[in-house]
Structures are given as C-alpha cells and as structure tokens.
Amino acid sequence: MMNLQAVYSHPLFGVAVTLGAYAIALKLHGRWRALHPLFVCAGGIVVLLLLTGIPYESYNKGGEIIAFFLGPATVALGVPLYKQAAAIKKDVRAILAGVTAGSVSGIASAGCLMWALGGTRELMLTMMPKSVTSPIAIEIARQAGGIPELAAVFAVLAGLLGSMIGPAFLRALGISADVPLGVAIGTAAHGIGTGRLIRESELQGSVSGVSMALAGIVTSILFIPLYYWLAP
C-alpha cells in the first residue's frame, strides 16, 4: 500500500496519466470526430481518480508540470499570428468590432441567464466573464465579488462547448469565411476554441488567437462600470 502511494504521489505519475489519457483521447477523436480530445482527456482523468480514490493533490504534482508548459504553448501561437499578420491587419477594424460585439453579447447573455434562473449576484458575477480565458476570468470574478474557482469551471465549459459545436453551428448559419469564424470562436471559446481552429486553418486560428487576446482586454474594461452598477 505504501509502495502504491509512493507511485501515485510522484510527479511523474500525474504526467504519465495526463499524456496517456490525451493519447487515448486523440485516438478516439480520430474515430469519432465529435469527441473533443480535451473533454475526453479531462473526463477520463476525473473518472480514474474517483474510481481509484487517488487524491487530486497527488495527481496534481504532475499536473502542475503539464500546466507549466501552457505558457510556452500560448506564446507559440505568436508564430502563425506573425505569418498571418498582413491578412489580419487588413481586417483589423472588423475584428475589433466583432470582438466588442461578441464580448458584450457574452456578458449580457450570461447575466440574463443567471437572472432568469434566479441566480444570486455572486453567481451572476462569476458566470459573466465565462467567455475569456481562465486566468482572466478568475481574476475578473475575484475582483468583482464572484467565485474564482467556479469562474474557471464556467470558462473551461464555455471553451469546450464552443470548440465542439461552435464551428459546425456557425457554418450551418452560413458563416464559413476565415475571419468571421475566427473572431466568433476566439471571442466565445478563447484558447480551447483557438486550439481547435488552428488545426484546421492557420488563418482561422491566428484570427481566433488575436480575438481571444482582445476579448480579454475588452471584457476587463466592460467590467469596470458593471462592478459599480452591480455593487450591493
């Protein structure tokens, strides 16, 4: 028992489990395209920890190593962005307008949904920044009086749903051009959606990456008056 505990408490255990789960998720994604690799990977790890009774803290010793590489991976998005800079610059006004409209819509729809469901002010402020990347959503929720941990969950769920059904939904509406598709996914589904698009089109992924960054800035600015308006 002690030996087993020593195994799953080692940081390499979390790394191996994460890489193994992601490899399996990619295999499943290759067979069933609707299964998002991140959704399958995260869900599989949660199920594994629950079934085996392995504490999350033990797994996360290796998970933190994986998380460390998210920073360089995000910076790597700058490479396709640099290559597509001329195309993005040509449509910069349309991108800015789309990101602003999308950010306002994302905040308003989340606020209205929470209000209609009878959610508390705290829950409303937690869900409203769901469309931006997790670190920004967490900080906005914390500063506004929401629940940071739950804000991270909402942000991840928004990214997964936007990544899984967003592109197909937009194409069904007749929106298939690279720039509007990239703006919509980057604004609504941040890095997870951008990761999906960049595998399909470098221009779509680059526009989505720019939109993700701009949406973080725009949403943060929009929350300044909201903070005072919704103050108790």
Foldseek 3Di string as FASTA:
>chain_A
DVVVLVVLLDLVNLVVLLVVQLVVLVVVCVVPVLRDSVVRSVVVVVVVCVVVVPDPNSSVSNVVVVVVCVVVVLVVLVVLLVVCVVVCVVCVVVLLVLLLVLLVVQLVVLLVVCVVVVHDLQVSQLQNLLQAALVLSLVSSVVLNHHSVVSSVSNQVQQVVCQSCVQVVCVVVVPDDQQVSLSNNLNRNNPSNLVSVCVVPSSSSSNSNVSNVSNSVSNSVVVPVVSVVSPD
